[in-house]
Amino acid sequence: MPNLINQGCKVADIYHRYDEIHGALFGASYFRLLADKLRGKQQPGHLESLSSLRGLQDELGTIESEIMDPEKNTPVTGADRELRQTLLEYTRYLIKAVNGLENICENLEQDEAAYRALRQDGRSGFTADKLEYDHLLSELERQGTRLDRLFSNY
């Protein structure tokens, strides 16, 4: 039981660090940097974000395997099993969200102009990836709400 709570705290910490990167990429400060870039003043870089996201992926992989370890996480009650399963699902969606943001950053770093250019279908690669990423965020939020409810009733 305490191990499950510790794992939940670790996942929450990783989420907060991921959310800072997300905010930097999609927040108002990024749009100021983008406007400066368009004026030729400054170019936003994504290498630091990529490095951080890759580190978060590694941490999440480790925590996911800890949560799945049957010896460390032998459920005592049905509530333990449900909480463990929900934490595992949340962690998996967080991994997907981090991976989606990493993919966006990588494409922006490689060739931002080409990534944002409209294709024949009227959308850019950025728009298509962002829509998929937004869908992942919706599912992550849904899982997070469920996880919060379970932890608060535990």
Protein backbone atom coordinates (compact mmCIF):
# COMPACT_ATOMS: atom_id res chain seq x y z
CA MET A 1 0.00 0.00 0.00
CA PRO A 2 2.63 2.65 0.91
CA ASN A 3 4.57 1.58 -2.18
CA LEU A 4 1.53 2.32 -4.35
CA ILE A 5 1.22 5.78 -2.84
CA ASN A 6 4.94 6.44 -3.38
CA GLN A 7 4.61 5.35 -7.00
CA GLY A 8 1.61 7.66 -7.41
CA CYS A 9 3.68 10.54 -6.03
CA LYS A 10 6.51 9.77 -8.45
CA VAL A 11 4.11 9.72 -11.39
CA ALA A 12 2.60 13.03 -10.21
CA ASP A 13 6.08 14.59 -10.02
CA ILE A 14 6.86 13.47 -13.56
CA TYR A 15 3.52 14.83 -14.74
CA HIS A 16 4.33 18.26 -13.28
CA ARG A 17 7.71 18.34 -15.02
CA TYR A 18 6.08 17.26 -18.29
CA ASP A 19 3.39 19.92 -17.85
CA GLU A 20 6.07 22.63 -17.54
CA ILE A 21 7.48 21.61 -20.91
CA HIS A 22 3.98 21.50 -22.40
CA GLY A 23 3.30 25.01 -21.06
CA ALA A 24 6.56 26.31 -22.47
CA LEU A 25 5.72 24.92 -25.90
CA PHE A 26 2.06 25.91 -26.10
CA GLY A 27 1.85 28.79 -23.64
CA ALA A 28 1.93 32.53 -24.28
CA SER A 29 5.70 32.73 -23.82
CA TYR A 30 6.18 30.40 -26.79
CA PHE A 31 4.04 32.60 -29.00
CA ARG A 32 6.18 35.61 -28.07
CA LEU A 33 9.29 33.63 -29.01
CA LEU A 34 7.66 32.59 -32.27
CA ALA A 35 6.77 36.20 -33.07
CA ASP A 36 10.37 37.21 -32.37
CA LYS A 37 11.57 34.43 -34.65
CA LEU A 38 9.32 35.64 -37.44
CA ARG A 39 10.81 39.11 -37.01
CA GLY A 40 14.28 37.55 -37.20
CA LYS A 41 15.22 38.30 -33.60
CA GLN A 42 15.39 34.93 -31.91
CA GLN A 43 14.83 31.29 -32.75
CA PRO A 44 13.06 29.05 -30.26
CA GLY A 45 15.01 25.87 -29.69
CA HIS A 46 13.51 22.54 -28.79
CA LEU A 47 16.63 20.49 -28.04
CA GLU A 48 16.45 21.11 -24.31
CA SER A 49 12.79 20.08 -24.26
CA LEU A 50 13.60 16.95 -26.26
CA SER A 51 16.31 15.97 -23.80
CA SER A 52 14.01 16.53 -20.83
CA LEU A 53 11.15 14.59 -22.42
CA ARG A 54 13.44 11.65 -23.17
CA GLY A 55 14.53 11.63 -19.54
CA LEU A 56 10.90 11.64 -18.43
CA GLN A 57 10.21 8.70 -20.77
CA ASP A 58 12.99 6.74 -19.07
CA GLU A 59 11.64 7.55 -15.60
CA LEU A 60 8.11 6.60 -16.61
CA GLY A 61 9.30 3.29 -18.03
CA THR A 62 10.98 2.48 -14.73
CA ILE A 63 7.92 3.42 -12.69
CA GLU A 64 5.62 1.49 -15.02
CA SER A 65 7.66 -1.67 -14.44
CA GLU A 66 7.58 -1.03 -10.66
CA ILE A 67 3.79 -0.69 -10.73
CA MET A 68 3.48 -3.91 -12.75
CA ASP A 69 5.81 -5.87 -10.41
CA PRO A 70 3.50 -8.47 -8.82
CA GLU A 71 5.80 -9.15 -5.86
CA LYS A 72 6.01 -5.52 -4.78
CA ASN A 73 2.37 -4.76 -5.53
CA THR A 74 0.39 -7.71 -4.32
CA PRO A 75 -3.10 -6.25 -3.99
CA VAL A 76 -4.67 -6.83 -0.59
CA THR A 77 -8.15 -5.59 -1.41
CA GLY A 78 -10.24 -4.83 -4.47
CA ALA A 79 -9.55 -1.15 -3.86
CA ASP A 80 -5.80 -1.85 -4.05
CA ARG A 81 -6.24 -3.67 -7.36
CA GLU A 82 -8.40 -0.92 -8.84
CA LEU A 83 -6.04 1.83 -7.70
CA ARG A 84 -3.02 -0.06 -9.04
CA GLN A 85 -4.69 -0.72 -12.39
CA THR A 86 -5.82 2.90 -12.74
CA LEU A 87 -2.36 4.19 -11.82
CA LEU A 88 -0.90 1.87 -14.44
CA GLU A 89 -3.38 3.10 -17.09
CA TYR A 90 -2.67 6.72 -16.18
CA THR A 91 1.08 6.09 -16.40
CA ARG A 92 0.64 4.54 -19.84
CA TYR A 93 -1.35 7.54 -21.09
CA LEU A 94 1.27 9.85 -19.62
CA ILE A 95 3.93 7.92 -21.53
CA LYS A 96 1.91 8.39 -24.72
CA ALA A 97 1.45 12.12 -24.02
CA VAL A 98 5.15 12.61 -23.32
CA ASN A 99 5.94 10.69 -26.51
CA GLY A 100 3.48 12.84 -28.49
CA LEU A 101 5.01 16.05 -27.19
CA GLU A 102 8.48 14.66 -27.88
CA ASN A 103 7.44 13.92 -31.48
CA ILE A 104 6.12 17.47 -31.93
CA CYS A 105 9.31 18.99 -30.48
CA GLU A 106 11.47 16.78 -32.67
CA ASN A 107 9.60 17.80 -35.83
CA LEU A 108 9.76 21.48 -34.84
CA GLU A 109 13.49 21.18 -34.26
CA GLN A 110 14.17 19.40 -37.56
CA ASP A 111 12.33 21.80 -39.88
CA GLU A 112 9.69 23.99 -38.31
CA ALA A 113 8.69 25.73 -41.54
CA ALA A 114 8.05 22.45 -43.36
CA TYR A 115 6.27 20.99 -40.34
CA ARG A 116 3.89 23.95 -40.16
CA ALA A 117 3.38 24.20 -43.95
CA LEU A 118 -0.05 23.25 -45.26
CA ARG A 119 -0.35 19.99 -47.13
CA GLN A 120 -2.84 19.10 -49.87
CA ASP A 121 -5.47 18.15 -47.30
CA GLY A 122 -5.37 21.71 -45.91
CA ARG A 123 -3.65 20.75 -42.66
CA SER A 124 -0.04 20.91 -41.63
CA GLY A 125 1.89 18.08 -40.08
CA PHE A 126 1.92 20.14 -36.91
CA THR A 127 -1.88 20.44 -36.92
CA ALA A 128 -2.36 16.71 -37.47
CA ASP A 129 0.08 15.83 -34.67
CA LYS A 130 -1.44 18.45 -32.37
CA LEU A 131 -4.95 17.03 -32.87
CA GLU A 132 -3.71 13.54 -32.00
CA TYR A 133 -1.81 14.95 -29.02
CA ASP A 134 -4.92 16.82 -27.80
CA HIS A 135 -6.86 13.56 -27.94
CA LEU A 136 -4.19 11.93 -25.75
CA LEU A 137 -4.42 14.84 -23.31
CA SER A 138 -8.18 14.39 -23.04
CA GLU A 139 -7.75 10.72 -22.19
CA LEU A 140 -4.95 11.55 -19.75
CA GLU A 141 -7.23 14.05 -18.02
CA ARG A 142 -10.04 11.49 -17.83
CA GLN A 143 -7.69 8.92 -16.29
CA GLY A 144 -6.30 11.55 -13.93
CA THR A 145 -9.77 12.45 -12.69
CA ARG A 146 -10.50 8.78 -12.06
CA LEU A 147 -7.16 8.36 -10.28
CA ASP A 148 -7.77 11.43 -8.08
CA ARG A 149 -11.14 10.02 -7.06
CA LEU A 150 -9.63 6.66 -6.17
CA PHE A 151 -6.76 8.16 -4.18
CA SER A 152 -9.10 10.47 -2.28
CA ASN A 153 -11.38 7.56 -1.32
CA TYR A 154 -8.52 5.21 -0.47
